[in-house]
Amino acid sequence: MHMNRSNLVAAMLAAGLLLSVNAHAAGPQDAAKPAGDAAAPAAPSAPAAPAFDPAMEPQAFLRYAGGAAAMQLKLGEWVAANGQAQQVKDYARRMVVNHVAVQQIVAKVAKKANLKADAAMDPADADAVARLTALTGTDLDKAYAAFLSERDPQIVQAYRWQFENCTDADVKAFATSTTPIMQVHQRLAEAIHQDVNKEEIRLAAERKAAEQKAAEEARVQAQLDAAQAASKKKGAAPPPKKPKKPMGAAG
C-alpha cells in the first residue's frame, strides 16, 4: 500500500513546509502550470549549462531530491548567518526548514519503497556551495539569488516529471505533493533575484540590446556592401581593345 498523499501533505505541514503562497492551494493542477514567465538574464552571469534532462528512474530521483535538499540546506544555513538583506536571510531560513523536512520525507519514501536514496550533492551543486560559502554580505545576497533563479527551475522540472510519469506509487505521491512547494520556492527566489539584482539585470538587458543592435547594424551594412560590390561589378566597362593596324601599313 503506497503512502497516502494526505499523509505526505500533513507531514510537510508539520515540518513547516510552505504549501501556499500568493493564495495558491497546493495540488497537481497547480503544479502542471508553468511557474512563471521566462526569467530575466541572471546576474552575475554564469556560463551556459548543458540542457537539463528531468527524466529519472524513481531511485535516481530520490537521490536527486535528497542531494538538492542538502544543497539548499547548506546554502540556507550560510546565507541566513552571513547574508545582508533581511528578505534574503528570511528566505534562506525558510529553505533550511523546508529542506530538512524534504530530506526526512525522502528517507521515509525510500525506505517504504525499498529504494536507496543517499543525499550526496551533485558535483555542480557542490561547486556552487563552495563558491557561495566564500562570500558574505551583499555579494552573497546577489550571488545566492542569481544561483537559485537558475537552479530552482531545474528542480521543479525534475519533480514535475515524476508526478506526471513516475510508475512507483510512493515516489509519485511524494512528487505530486511536493511539486507545488518547489514552484513556490522558485517564484519567491525569482522575486528576490529581481529585487536584489535589479541593477545588474538592467545592465545585462542593456548590454544584450546593444549587442543585438550592433549585430543588426553589421548585418545591414554587410548587405549594403555586398549590393554595392555586385553593382560595381555588373556596371564596369569592359577593358578597351587594342586597335588593329591598317592593312599595308608600315610595321
C-alpha atoms as a PDB file:
ATOM      1  CA  MET A   1       0.000   0.000   0.000  1.00  0.00           C
ATOM      2  CA  HIS A   2       1.532   3.288  -1.043  1.00  0.00           C
ATOM      3  CA  MET A   3       1.886   6.352   1.142  1.00  0.00           C
ATOM      4  CA  ASN A   4      -1.324   8.367   1.222  1.00  0.00           C
ATOM      5  CA  ARG A   5      -0.962  11.796  -0.344  1.00  0.00           C
ATOM      6  CA  SER A   6      -2.799  13.499   2.526  1.00  0.00           C
ATOM      7  CA  ASN A   7      -0.308  11.932   4.951  1.00  0.00           C
ATOM      8  CA  LEU A   8       2.544  13.371   2.921  1.00  0.00           C
ATOM      9  CA  VAL A   9       0.989  16.827   2.962  1.00  0.00           C
ATOM     10  CA  ALA A  10       0.340  16.561   6.708  1.00  0.00           C
ATOM     11  CA  ALA A  11       3.959  15.596   7.278  1.00  0.00           C
ATOM     12  CA  MET A  12       5.152  18.591   5.285  1.00  0.00           C
ATOM     13  CA  LEU A  13       2.863  20.940   7.156  1.00  0.00           C
ATOM     14  CA  ALA A  14       4.025  19.555  10.490  1.00  0.00           C
ATOM     15  CA  ALA A  15       7.626  20.105   9.402  1.00  0.00           C
ATOM     16  CA  GLY A  16       6.914  23.720   8.468  1.00  0.00           C
ATOM     17  CA  LEU A  17       6.881  23.488   4.685  1.00  0.00           C
ATOM     18  CA  LEU A  18       5.276  26.378   2.870  1.00  0.00           C
ATOM     19  CA  LEU A  19       2.344  24.884   0.976  1.00  0.00           C
ATOM     20  CA  SER A  20       0.503  28.014  -0.096  1.00  0.00           C
ATOM     21  CA  VAL A  21       1.789  31.420  -1.102  1.00  0.00           C
ATOM     22  CA  ASN A  22       0.017  34.077  -3.149  1.00  0.00           C
ATOM     23  CA  ALA A  23      -3.318  32.346  -2.388  1.00  0.00           C
ATOM     24  CA  HIS A  24      -2.365  29.220  -4.397  1.00  0.00           C
ATOM     25  CA  ALA A  25      -3.517  25.897  -2.967  1.00  0.00           C
ATOM     26  CA  ALA A  26      -1.135  23.000  -3.417  1.00  0.00           C
ATOM     27  CA  GLY A  27      -2.243  20.407  -5.920  1.00  0.00           C
ATOM     28  CA  PRO A  28      -1.210  18.721  -9.121  1.00  0.00           C
ATOM     29  CA  GLN A  29      -3.395  21.023 -11.182  1.00  0.00           C
ATOM     30  CA  ASP A  30      -1.306  23.979  -9.971  1.00  0.00           C
ATOM     31  CA  ALA A  31       1.904  22.048 -10.367  1.00  0.00           C
ATOM     32  CA  ALA A  32       1.134  21.362 -14.001  1.00  0.00           C
ATOM     33  CA  LYS A  33       1.115  25.061 -14.794  1.00  0.00           C
ATOM     34  CA  PRO A  34       4.306  26.915 -15.760  1.00  0.00           C
ATOM     35  CA  ALA A  35       5.977  28.514 -12.771  1.00  0.00           C
ATOM     36  CA  GLY A  36       6.079  31.922 -14.408  1.00  0.00           C
ATOM     37  CA  ASP A  37       7.366  33.896 -17.351  1.00  0.00           C
ATOM     38  CA  ALA A  38      10.893  33.413 -18.576  1.00  0.00           C
ATOM     39  CA  ALA A  39      13.399  34.753 -16.106  1.00  0.00           C
ATOM     40  CA  ALA A  40      15.382  37.872 -16.868  1.00  0.00           C
ATOM     41  CA  PRO A  41      19.115  37.429 -17.536  1.00  0.00           C
ATOM     42  CA  ALA A  42      20.746  36.241 -14.331  1.00  0.00           C
ATOM     43  CA  ALA A  43      23.253  38.463 -12.603  1.00  0.00           C
ATOM     44  CA  PRO A  44      26.071  37.895 -12.171  1.00  0.00           C
ATOM     45  CA  SER A  45      26.186  35.959 -15.414  1.00  0.00           C
ATOM     46  CA  ALA A  46      27.246  32.329 -15.475  1.00  0.00           C
ATOM     47  CA  PRO A  47      28.447  30.063 -18.290  1.00  0.00           C
ATOM     48  CA  ALA A  48      25.671  28.360 -20.198  1.00  0.00           C
ATOM     49  CA  ALA A  49      24.945  24.952 -18.676  1.00  0.00           C
ATOM     50  CA  PRO A  50      24.043  21.813 -20.633  1.00  0.00           C
ATOM     51  CA  ALA A  51      20.334  21.259 -21.158  1.00  0.00           C
ATOM     52  CA  PHE A  52      18.782  19.636 -18.094  1.00  0.00           C
ATOM     53  CA  ASP A  53      17.023  16.281 -18.564  1.00  0.00           C
ATOM     54  CA  PRO A  54      14.410  15.811 -15.801  1.00  0.00           C
ATOM     55  CA  ALA A  55      13.615  12.190 -16.715  1.00  0.00           C
ATOM     56  CA  MET A  56      14.870   9.878 -13.944  1.00  0.00           C
ATOM     57  CA  GLU A  57      14.111   6.471 -12.556  1.00  0.00           C
ATOM     58  CA  PRO A  58      12.435   6.582  -9.093  1.00  0.00           C
ATOM     59  CA  GLN A  59      15.613   5.722  -7.196  1.00  0.00           C
ATOM     60  CA  ALA A  60      17.678   8.254  -9.154  1.00  0.00           C
ATOM     61  CA  PHE A  61      15.038  10.907  -8.492  1.00  0.00           C
ATOM     62  CA  LEU A  62      15.052  10.272  -4.743  1.00  0.00           C
ATOM     63  CA  ARG A  63      18.829  10.646  -4.761  1.00  0.00           C
ATOM     64  CA  TYR A  64      18.481  13.812  -6.801  1.00  0.00           C
ATOM     65  CA  ALA A  65      15.817  15.228  -4.464  1.00  0.00           C
ATOM     66  CA  GLY A  66      17.905  14.393  -1.409  1.00  0.00           C
ATOM     67  CA  GLY A  67      21.028  15.938  -2.919  1.00  0.00           C
ATOM     68  CA  ALA A  68      19.179  19.085  -3.983  1.00  0.00           C
ATOM     69  CA  ALA A  69      17.734  19.385  -0.474  1.00  0.00           C
ATOM     70  CA  ALA A  70      21.232  19.014   1.003  1.00  0.00           C
ATOM     71  CA  MET A  71      22.463  21.809  -1.256  1.00  0.00           C
ATOM     72  CA  GLN A  72      19.556  24.101  -0.308  1.00  0.00           C
ATOM     73  CA  LEU A  73      20.084  23.315   3.356  1.00  0.00           C
ATOM     74  CA  LYS A  74      23.811  24.106   3.268  1.00  0.00           C
ATOM     75  CA  LEU A  75      23.301  27.347   1.389  1.00  0.00           C
ATOM     76  CA  GLY A  76      20.316  28.342   3.503  1.00  0.00           C
ATOM     77  CA  GLU A  77      22.282  27.966   6.726  1.00  0.00           C
ATOM     78  CA  TRP A  78      25.187  30.016   5.365  1.00  0.00           C
ATOM     79  CA  VAL A  79      23.057  32.799   3.888  1.00  0.00           C
ATOM     80  CA  ALA A  80      20.857  33.060   6.991  1.00  0.00           C
ATOM     81  CA  ALA A  81      24.008  33.644   9.064  1.00  0.00           C
ATOM     82  CA  ASN A  82      26.093  35.693   6.625  1.00  0.00           C
ATOM     83  CA  GLY A  83      23.731  37.482   4.242  1.00  0.00           C
ATOM     84  CA  GLN A  84      22.850  41.168   4.375  1.00  0.00           C
ATOM     85  CA  ALA A  85      19.291  41.815   3.135  1.00  0.00           C
ATOM     86  CA  GLN A  86      16.570  40.726   5.536  1.00  0.00           C
ATOM     87  CA  GLN A  87      14.346  39.295   2.797  1.00  0.00           C
ATOM     88  CA  VAL A  88      17.200  37.113   1.574  1.00  0.00           C
ATOM     89  CA  LYS A  89      18.029  35.888   5.071  1.00  0.00           C
ATOM     90  CA  ASP A  90      14.369  35.171   5.814  1.00  0.00           C
ATOM     91  CA  TYR A  91      14.057  33.171   2.601  1.00  0.00           C
ATOM     92  CA  ALA A  92      17.233  31.254   3.436  1.00  0.00           C
ATOM     93  CA  ARG A  93      15.836  30.329   6.860  1.00  0.00           C
ATOM     94  CA  ARG A  94      12.668  29.067   5.197  1.00  0.00           C
ATOM     95  CA  MET A  95      14.799  26.935   2.896  1.00  0.00           C
ATOM     96  CA  VAL A  96      16.514  25.362   5.904  1.00  0.00           C
ATOM     97  CA  VAL A  97      13.187  24.421   7.496  1.00  0.00           C
ATOM     98  CA  ASN A  98      11.659  23.160   4.261  1.00  0.00           C
ATOM     99  CA  HIS A  99      14.595  21.099   3.095  1.00  0.00           C
ATOM    100  CA  VAL A 100      15.181  19.445   6.451  1.00  0.00           C
ATOM    101  CA  ALA A 101      11.596  18.231   6.011  1.00  0.00           C
ATOM    102  CA  VAL A 102      12.220  17.196   2.407  1.00  0.00           C
ATOM    103  CA  GLN A 103      15.240  15.155   3.461  1.00  0.00           C
ATOM    104  CA  GLN A 104      13.212  13.399   6.144  1.00  0.00           C
ATOM    105  CA  ILE A 105      10.369  12.602   3.759  1.00  0.00           C
ATOM    106  CA  VAL A 106      12.736  11.395   1.039  1.00  0.00           C
ATOM    107  CA  ALA A 107      14.270   8.978   3.555  1.00  0.00           C
ATOM    108  CA  LYS A 108      10.813   7.693   4.577  1.00  0.00           C
ATOM    109  CA  VAL A 109       9.653   7.279   0.986  1.00  0.00           C
ATOM    110  CA  ALA A 110      12.865   5.480   0.037  1.00  0.00           C
ATOM    111  CA  LYS A 111      12.536   3.093   2.979  1.00  0.00           C
ATOM    112  CA  LYS A 112       8.877   2.364   2.223  1.00  0.00           C
ATOM    113  CA  ALA A 113       9.613   1.811  -1.471  1.00  0.00           C
ATOM    114  CA  ASN A 114      12.707  -0.268  -0.595  1.00  0.00           C
ATOM    115  CA  LEU A 115      14.960   2.088  -2.551  1.00  0.00           C
ATOM    116  CA  LYS A 116      18.348   3.530  -1.679  1.00  0.00           C
ATOM    117  CA  ALA A 117      18.485   7.322  -1.704  1.00  0.00           C
ATOM    118  CA  ASP A 118      21.699   8.848  -0.408  1.00  0.00           C
ATOM    119  CA  ALA A 119      21.712  12.620  -0.179  1.00  0.00           C
ATOM    120  CA  ALA A 120      25.000  13.226  -1.978  1.00  0.00           C
ATOM    121  CA  MET A 121      25.086  16.582  -3.742  1.00  0.00           C
ATOM    122  CA  ASP A 122      25.535  16.825  -7.468  1.00  0.00           C
ATOM    123  CA  PRO A 123      29.144  17.929  -8.221  1.00  0.00           C
ATOM    124  CA  ALA A 124      27.895  21.151  -9.826  1.00  0.00           C
ATOM    125  CA  ASP A 125      25.838  21.919  -6.706  1.00  0.00           C
ATOM    126  CA  ALA A 126      28.831  21.155  -4.501  1.00  0.00           C
ATOM    127  CA  ASP A 127      30.914  23.596  -6.547  1.00  0.00           C
ATOM    128  CA  ALA A 128      28.210  26.247  -6.166  1.00  0.00           C
ATOM    129  CA  VAL A 129      28.099  25.705  -2.408  1.00  0.00           C
ATOM    130  CA  ALA A 130      31.886  26.087  -2.198  1.00  0.00           C
ATOM    131  CA  ARG A 131      31.762  29.271  -4.268  1.00  0.00           C
ATOM    132  CA  LEU A 132      28.857  30.868  -2.423  1.00  0.00           C
ATOM    133  CA  THR A 133      30.033  29.990   1.086  1.00  0.00           C
ATOM    134  CA  ALA A 134      33.174  32.007   0.366  1.00  0.00           C
ATOM    135  CA  LEU A 135      31.004  35.146   0.128  1.00  0.00           C
ATOM    136  CA  THR A 136      29.306  37.326   2.731  1.00  0.00           C
ATOM    137  CA  GLY A 137      27.037  40.360   2.882  1.00  0.00           C
ATOM    138  CA  THR A 138      25.572  41.922  -0.237  1.00  0.00           C
ATOM    139  CA  ASP A 139      27.831  39.908  -2.550  1.00  0.00           C
ATOM    140  CA  LEU A 140      26.383  36.741  -1.023  1.00  0.00           C
ATOM    141  CA  ASP A 141      22.797  38.005  -1.359  1.00  0.00           C
ATOM    142  CA  LYS A 142      23.264  38.726  -5.042  1.00  0.00           C
ATOM    143  CA  ALA A 143      25.071  35.505  -5.907  1.00  0.00           C
ATOM    144  CA  TYR A 144      22.644  33.347  -3.898  1.00  0.00           C
ATOM    145  CA  ALA A 145      19.587  34.894  -5.547  1.00  0.00           C
ATOM    146  CA  ALA A 146      21.128  34.633  -9.022  1.00  0.00           C
ATOM    147  CA  PHE A 147      22.082  30.996  -8.471  1.00  0.00           C
ATOM    148  CA  LEU A 148      18.624  29.978  -7.254  1.00  0.00           C
ATOM    149  CA  SER A 149      16.946  31.779 -10.163  1.00  0.00           C
ATOM    150  CA  GLU A 150      18.809  29.364 -12.455  1.00  0.00           C
ATOM    151  CA  ARG A 151      18.775  26.237 -10.278  1.00  0.00           C
ATOM    152  CA  ASP A 152      15.198  26.182  -8.942  1.00  0.00           C
ATOM    153  CA  PRO A 153      13.542  25.773 -12.377  1.00  0.00           C
ATOM    154  CA  GLN A 154      15.513  22.546 -12.886  1.00  0.00           C
ATOM    155  CA  ILE A 155      14.388  21.214  -9.509  1.00  0.00           C
ATOM    156  CA  VAL A 156      10.782  21.988 -10.424  1.00  0.00           C
ATOM    157  CA  GLN A 157      11.202  20.183 -13.760  1.00  0.00           C
ATOM    158  CA  ALA A 158      12.521  17.075 -12.002  1.00  0.00           C
ATOM    159  CA  TYR A 159       9.592  16.973  -9.567  1.00  0.00           C
ATOM    160  CA  ARG A 160       7.039  17.647 -12.277  1.00  0.00           C
ATOM    161  CA  TRP A 161       8.372  14.836 -14.460  1.00  0.00           C
ATOM    162  CA  GLN A 162       7.907  12.391 -11.591  1.00  0.00           C
ATOM    163  CA  PHE A 163       4.321  13.306 -10.764  1.00  0.00           C
ATOM    164  CA  GLU A 164       3.483  13.115 -14.465  1.00  0.00           C
ATOM    165  CA  ASN A 165       5.422   9.950 -15.341  1.00  0.00           C
ATOM    166  CA  CYS A 166       6.621   8.028 -12.282  1.00  0.00           C
ATOM    167  CA  THR A 167       5.486   4.404 -12.076  1.00  0.00           C
ATOM    168  CA  ASP A 168       6.332   3.956  -8.380  1.00  0.00           C
ATOM    169  CA  ALA A 169       3.259   4.886  -6.324  1.00  0.00           C
ATOM    170  CA  ASP A 170       5.152   6.147  -3.269  1.00  0.00           C
ATOM    171  CA  VAL A 171       7.609   8.277  -5.251  1.00  0.00           C
ATOM    172  CA  LYS A 172       4.798   9.619  -7.430  1.00  0.00           C
ATOM    173  CA  ALA A 173       2.780  10.627  -4.348  1.00  0.00           C
ATOM    174  CA  PHE A 174       5.795  12.413  -2.900  1.00  0.00           C
ATOM    175  CA  ALA A 175       6.486  14.260  -6.159  1.00  0.00           C
ATOM    176  CA  THR A 176       2.812  15.175  -6.648  1.00  0.00           C
ATOM    177  CA  SER A 177       2.560  16.655  -3.160  1.00  0.00           C
ATOM    178  CA  THR A 178       5.915  18.418  -3.265  1.00  0.00           C
ATOM    179  CA  THR A 179       5.939  19.919  -6.762  1.00  0.00           C
ATOM    180  CA  PRO A 180       3.735  22.900  -5.766  1.00  0.00           C
ATOM    181  CA  ILE A 181       6.107  23.620  -2.876  1.00  0.00           C
ATOM    182  CA  MET A 182       9.078  23.660  -5.205  1.00  0.00           C
ATOM    183  CA  GLN A 183       7.185  26.003  -7.522  1.00  0.00           C
ATOM    184  CA  VAL A 184       6.595  28.353  -4.586  1.00  0.00           C
ATOM    185  CA  HIS A 185      10.318  28.258  -3.854  1.00  0.00           C
ATOM    186  CA  GLN A 186      11.024  29.115  -7.489  1.00  0.00           C
ATOM    187  CA  ARG A 187       8.612  32.051  -7.563  1.00  0.00           C
ATOM    188  CA  LEU A 188       9.936  33.525  -4.327  1.00  0.00           C
ATOM    189  CA  ALA A 189      13.570  33.051  -5.339  1.00  0.00           C
ATOM    190  CA  GLU A 190      12.920  34.724  -8.696  1.00  0.00           C
ATOM    191  CA  ALA A 191      11.193  37.664  -6.988  1.00  0.00           C
ATOM    192  CA  ILE A 192      14.183  38.101  -4.666  1.00  0.00           C
ATOM    193  CA  HIS A 193      16.566  37.843  -7.615  1.00  0.00           C
ATOM    194  CA  GLN A 194      14.657  40.531  -9.499  1.00  0.00           C
ATOM    195  CA  ASP A 195      14.919  42.782  -6.441  1.00  0.00           C
ATOM    196  CA  VAL A 196      18.468  42.347  -5.159  1.00  0.00           C
ATOM    197  CA  ASN A 197      19.962  42.076  -8.652  1.00  0.00           C
ATOM    198  CA  LYS A 198      17.749  44.654 -10.361  1.00  0.00           C
ATOM    199  CA  GLU A 199      20.650  46.904 -11.360  1.00  0.00           C
ATOM    200  CA  GLU A 200      22.685  44.002 -12.712  1.00  0.00           C
ATOM    201  CA  ILE A 201      19.650  42.712 -14.600  1.00  0.00           C
ATOM    202  CA  ARG A 202      19.035  46.175 -16.079  1.00  0.00           C
ATOM    203  CA  LEU A 203      22.639  46.494 -17.212  1.00  0.00           C
ATOM    204  CA  ALA A 204      22.614  42.969 -18.638  1.00  0.00           C
ATOM    205  CA  ALA A 205      19.447  43.769 -20.584  1.00  0.00           C
ATOM    206  CA  GLU A 206      21.012  46.982 -21.910  1.00  0.00           C
ATOM    207  CA  ARG A 207      24.165  45.130 -22.972  1.00  0.00           C
ATOM    208  CA  LYS A 208      22.110  42.491 -24.711  1.00  0.00           C
ATOM    209  CA  ALA A 209      20.043  45.129 -26.522  1.00  0.00           C
ATOM    210  CA  ALA A 210      23.214  46.971 -27.583  1.00  0.00           C
ATOM    211  CA  GLU A 211      24.778  43.734 -28.836  1.00  0.00           C
ATOM    212  CA  GLN A 212      21.633  42.889 -30.801  1.00  0.00           C
ATOM    213  CA  LYS A 213      21.536  46.387 -32.280  1.00  0.00           C
ATOM    214  CA  ALA A 214      25.210  46.222 -33.262  1.00  0.00           C
ATOM    215  CA  ALA A 215      24.723  42.788 -34.815  1.00  0.00           C
ATOM    216  CA  GLU A 216      21.733  44.005 -36.822  1.00  0.00           C
ATOM    217  CA  GLU A 217      23.610  47.110 -37.995  1.00  0.00           C
ATOM    218  CA  ALA A 218      26.560  44.920 -39.025  1.00  0.00           C
ATOM    219  CA  ARG A 219      24.206  42.603 -40.916  1.00  0.00           C
ATOM    220  CA  VAL A 220      22.575  45.505 -42.776  1.00  0.00           C
ATOM    221  CA  GLN A 221      25.952  47.068 -43.579  1.00  0.00           C
ATOM    222  CA  ALA A 222      27.234  43.741 -44.910  1.00  0.00           C
ATOM    223  CA  GLN A 223      24.190  43.505 -47.187  1.00  0.00           C
ATOM    224  CA  LEU A 224      24.777  47.066 -48.449  1.00  0.00           C
ATOM    225  CA  ASP A 225      28.456  46.378 -49.079  1.00  0.00           C
ATOM    226  CA  ALA A 226      27.616  43.195 -50.972  1.00  0.00           C
ATOM    227  CA  ALA A 227      24.981  45.004 -53.073  1.00  0.00           C
ATOM    228  CA  GLN A 228      27.387  47.848 -53.926  1.00  0.00           C
ATOM    229  CA  ALA A 229      30.128  45.395 -54.889  1.00  0.00           C
ATOM    230  CA  ALA A 230      27.727  43.482 -57.144  1.00  0.00           C
ATOM    231  CA  SER A 231      26.517  46.725 -58.740  1.00  0.00           C
ATOM    232  CA  LYS A 232      30.049  47.881 -59.496  1.00  0.00           C
ATOM    233  CA  LYS A 233      30.958  44.539 -60.982  1.00  0.00           C
ATOM    234  CA  LYS A 234      27.884  44.486 -63.206  1.00  0.00           C
ATOM    235  CA  GLY A 235      28.257  48.073 -64.431  1.00  0.00           C
ATOM    236  CA  ALA A 236      32.009  48.067 -65.015  1.00  0.00           C
ATOM    237  CA  ALA A 237      33.048  48.895 -68.647  1.00  0.00           C
ATOM    238  CA  PRO A 238      34.987  46.165 -70.490  1.00  0.00           C
ATOM    239  CA  PRO A 239      38.712  46.872 -70.942  1.00  0.00           C
ATOM    240  CA  PRO A 240      39.481  48.744 -74.259  1.00  0.00           C
ATOM    241  CA  LYS A 241      40.606  46.557 -77.131  1.00  0.00           C
ATOM    242  CA  LYS A 242      43.937  47.199 -78.781  1.00  0.00           C
ATOM    243  CA  PRO A 243      43.310  48.910 -82.196  1.00  0.00           C
ATOM    244  CA  LYS A 244      44.140  46.857 -85.262  1.00  0.00           C
ATOM    245  CA  LYS A 245      46.793  48.166 -87.634  1.00  0.00           C
ATOM    246  CA  PRO A 246      45.587  49.175 -91.157  1.00  0.00           C
ATOM    247  CA  MET A 247      46.455  46.695 -93.854  1.00  0.00           C
ATOM    248  CA  GLY A 248      49.651  47.569 -95.671  1.00  0.00           C
ATOM    249  CA  ALA A 249      50.777  49.930 -93.015  1.00  0.00           C
ATOM    250  CA  ALA A 250      54.414  50.034 -92.278  1.00  0.00           C
ATOM    251  CA  GLY A 251      55.464  47.984 -89.336  1.00  0.00           C
END
